[in-house]
Amino acid sequence: MHVPDLFFLLKNNLQELSEVKYPAKRVLLDEGEISNKMFFVKSGALREYFYQDGRELTLEFITENQAVSSFDSFLNGTKSEFIIETLEPTILHELEIDSFRKLMNNPDFQQTFNPLFYQRFSEITKRLMTFIKDSPQKRYEDLLKDRPELLLRFPQHYIASYLGITSVSLSRIRNRR
């Protein structure tokens, strides 16, 4: 979720946000925990991931001007299905659930937040569809086209897990190009 519009709206409510610095490799939300925060990335990077059969599978990379939370957990008080971890030293603006609920009573905030939330839902749906219908080669080509900076910024094993393949398969795909 890209958040410049939210930052503009929240600047009048800065008391609702806290700015926090985290080192790389800090887990902000663990699988099975209930999320009580939404994070807005000022600088740095995070990833959402989970374990399946002993392998890490990366759901998403979150970088500057994006927001992240386990939204189902955050909005519904359910246990998170994944982990959120910093990949680099990161500066975040954190919004607690109580402050979020208060802000959701503000029509201006709703008008800005809801379209961004729906846009994020659409992005997640499109990503899910690529795993159903596209080959790993096509997923790699789409990543190269849509978010090439990720390929330079993160280790190959994270990129491979994001594409749903092994590092060896990713190397083969890269060598074909």
Protein backbone atom coordinates (compact mmCIF):
# COMPACT_ATOMS: atom_id res chain seq x y z
CA MET A 1 0.00 0.00 0.00
CA HIS A 2 1.58 3.29 -1.09
CA VAL A 3 1.06 5.91 1.55
CA PRO A 4 2.05 9.48 0.57
CA ASP A 5 -1.63 10.49 0.72
CA LEU A 6 -1.96 8.94 4.17
CA PHE A 7 1.14 10.77 5.39
CA PHE A 8 -0.34 14.04 4.16
CA LEU A 9 -3.57 13.30 6.01
CA LEU A 10 -1.80 12.07 9.14
CA LYS A 11 0.44 15.11 9.44
CA ASN A 12 -2.47 16.75 11.28
CA ASN A 13 -2.59 13.72 13.58
CA LEU A 14 1.12 13.14 14.22
CA GLN A 15 0.38 12.48 17.86
CA GLU A 16 -1.21 9.25 16.63
CA LEU A 17 2.07 8.06 15.09
CA SER A 18 5.37 7.20 16.69
CA GLU A 19 8.59 7.14 14.71
CA VAL A 20 10.76 4.16 15.59
CA LYS A 21 14.16 2.99 14.32
CA TYR A 22 14.84 -0.73 14.02
CA PRO A 23 17.99 -2.62 13.10
CA ALA A 24 18.05 -5.17 10.29
CA LYS A 25 16.62 -8.63 11.03
CA ARG A 26 14.20 -7.42 13.74
CA VAL A 27 10.92 -9.34 13.87
CA LEU A 28 8.07 -6.83 14.31
CA LEU A 29 5.27 -9.39 14.20
CA ASP A 30 5.60 -13.12 14.65
CA GLU A 31 3.36 -15.79 13.22
CA GLY A 32 0.55 -16.52 15.69
CA GLU A 33 0.67 -13.07 17.32
CA ILE A 34 -2.18 -10.59 17.08
CA SER A 35 -1.15 -7.43 15.25
CA ASN A 36 -1.87 -4.20 17.08
CA LYS A 37 0.17 -1.93 14.79
CA MET A 38 0.29 -0.75 11.23
CA PHE A 39 3.71 0.29 9.96
CA PHE A 40 4.48 3.06 7.46
CA VAL A 41 7.97 2.82 6.01
CA LYS A 42 9.91 6.06 6.05
CA SER A 43 13.21 4.39 5.11
CA GLY A 44 14.48 0.85 4.93
CA ALA A 45 12.79 -2.39 3.99
CA LEU A 46 10.76 -5.23 5.46
CA ARG A 47 9.39 -8.51 4.29
CA GLU A 48 6.39 -10.65 5.10
CA TYR A 49 7.09 -14.37 5.14
CA PHE A 50 6.06 -17.69 6.63
CA TYR A 51 7.43 -21.19 6.93
CA GLN A 52 6.13 -24.18 5.01
CA ASP A 53 7.78 -27.57 5.28
CA GLY A 54 10.84 -25.91 6.81
CA ARG A 55 11.23 -23.42 3.94
CA GLU A 56 10.80 -19.66 4.18
CA LEU A 57 8.29 -18.31 1.67
CA THR A 58 8.30 -14.56 1.10
CA LEU A 59 4.89 -13.01 0.58
CA GLU A 60 5.95 -9.43 0.00
CA PHE A 61 8.73 -6.86 0.20
CA ILE A 62 7.75 -3.53 1.74
CA THR A 63 9.91 -0.49 1.05
CA GLU A 64 9.78 3.29 1.38
CA ASN A 65 6.35 4.94 1.22
CA GLN A 66 4.49 1.69 1.74
CA ALA A 67 2.43 0.46 4.66
CA VAL A 68 2.29 -3.02 6.11
CA SER A 69 0.52 -4.98 8.77
CA SER A 70 -1.05 -8.37 9.03
CA PHE A 71 -4.24 -6.63 7.98
CA ASP A 72 -6.57 -9.48 8.85
CA SER A 73 -4.99 -9.67 12.29
CA PHE A 74 -4.90 -5.89 12.70
CA LEU A 75 -8.50 -5.29 11.66
CA ASN A 76 -10.12 -8.44 13.11
CA GLY A 77 -7.96 -9.37 16.09
CA THR A 78 -7.02 -12.75 14.62
CA LYS A 79 -3.62 -14.41 14.81
CA SER A 80 -1.16 -13.44 12.11
CA GLU A 81 -0.43 -16.10 9.50
CA PHE A 82 3.02 -14.64 8.75
CA ILE A 83 6.06 -12.85 10.11
CA ILE A 84 7.02 -9.22 9.45
CA GLU A 85 10.75 -8.59 9.70
CA THR A 86 13.08 -5.70 8.86
CA LEU A 87 15.66 -6.51 6.18
CA GLU A 88 17.70 -3.34 6.61
CA PRO A 89 18.00 -0.68 9.28
CA THR A 90 14.52 0.80 9.05
CA ILE A 91 12.66 3.88 10.24
CA LEU A 92 8.93 3.35 10.62
CA HIS A 93 5.92 5.37 11.62
CA GLU A 94 3.77 3.12 13.78
CA LEU A 95 0.02 3.46 14.17
CA GLU A 96 -1.61 1.59 17.07
CA ILE A 97 -4.98 -0.09 16.52
CA ASP A 98 -6.78 2.22 18.96
CA SER A 99 -5.50 5.29 17.11
CA PHE A 100 -6.44 3.70 13.79
CA ARG A 101 -10.00 3.10 14.99
CA LYS A 102 -10.23 6.70 16.16
CA LEU A 103 -8.95 7.93 12.78
CA MET A 104 -11.45 5.73 10.94
CA ASN A 105 -14.19 7.91 12.47
CA ASN A 106 -12.77 10.78 10.40
CA PRO A 107 -14.42 10.83 6.92
CA ASP A 108 -11.32 12.40 5.36
CA PHE A 109 -9.14 9.58 6.68
CA GLN A 110 -11.65 6.98 5.47
CA GLN A 111 -11.77 8.61 2.04
CA THR A 112 -7.98 8.35 1.77
CA PHE A 113 -7.44 5.00 3.50
CA ASN A 114 -10.19 2.93 1.89
CA PRO A 115 -9.06 3.33 -1.75
CA LEU A 116 -5.47 2.54 -0.72
CA PHE A 117 -6.65 -0.54 1.15
CA TYR A 118 -8.70 -1.69 -1.85
CA GLN A 119 -5.73 -1.07 -4.13
CA ARG A 120 -3.58 -3.25 -1.88
CA PHE A 121 -6.23 -5.97 -1.92
CA SER A 122 -6.20 -5.82 -5.72
CA GLU A 123 -2.39 -6.12 -5.78
CA ILE A 124 -2.53 -9.19 -3.52
CA THR A 125 -5.18 -10.79 -5.73
CA LYS A 126 -3.08 -10.19 -8.86
CA ARG A 127 -0.03 -11.70 -7.15
CA LEU A 128 -2.04 -14.78 -6.17
CA MET A 129 -3.23 -15.16 -9.75
CA THR A 130 0.35 -15.13 -11.06
CA PHE A 131 1.11 -18.18 -8.92
CA ILE A 132 -1.87 -19.98 -10.39
CA LYS A 133 -1.45 -19.11 -14.06
CA ASP A 134 2.13 -17.93 -14.72
CA SER A 135 5.39 -19.82 -14.99
CA PRO A 136 8.33 -18.95 -12.73
CA GLN A 137 10.01 -17.43 -15.81
CA LYS A 138 7.03 -15.10 -16.33
CA ARG A 139 6.93 -14.17 -12.62
CA TYR A 140 10.63 -13.28 -12.81
CA GLU A 141 10.14 -11.21 -15.97
CA ASP A 142 7.23 -9.36 -14.34
CA LEU A 143 9.35 -8.63 -11.26
CA LEU A 144 12.16 -7.41 -13.50
CA LYS A 145 9.71 -5.11 -15.27
CA ASP A 146 7.63 -3.91 -12.28
CA ARG A 147 10.08 -3.79 -9.35
CA PRO A 148 13.64 -4.21 -10.66
CA GLU A 149 15.09 -2.44 -7.61
CA LEU A 150 14.19 -5.49 -5.50
CA LEU A 151 16.59 -7.64 -7.53
CA LEU A 152 19.45 -5.32 -6.64
CA ARG A 153 18.44 -4.70 -3.05
CA PHE A 154 17.75 -8.18 -1.63
CA PRO A 155 19.62 -11.48 -1.56
CA GLN A 156 18.86 -14.03 -4.24
CA HIS A 157 17.38 -16.54 -1.79
CA TYR A 158 14.75 -13.97 -0.72
CA ILE A 159 13.93 -13.18 -4.35
CA ALA A 160 13.65 -16.89 -5.13
CA SER A 161 11.29 -17.48 -2.20
CA TYR A 162 9.21 -14.47 -3.33
CA LEU A 163 8.92 -16.04 -6.79
CA GLY A 164 8.05 -19.42 -5.28
CA ILE A 165 11.15 -21.17 -6.61
CA THR A 166 14.53 -22.34 -5.36
CA SER A 167 17.72 -20.28 -5.64
CA VAL A 168 19.01 -22.82 -8.16
CA SER A 169 15.91 -22.33 -10.35
CA LEU A 170 16.33 -18.57 -10.11
CA SER A 171 19.95 -18.88 -11.25
CA ARG A 172 18.84 -20.93 -14.24
CA ILE A 173 16.18 -18.37 -15.16
CA ARG A 174 18.70 -15.53 -14.89
CA ASN A 175 21.22 -17.42 -17.05
CA ARG A 176 18.64 -17.86 -19.82
CA ARG A 177 18.29 -14.11 -20.22
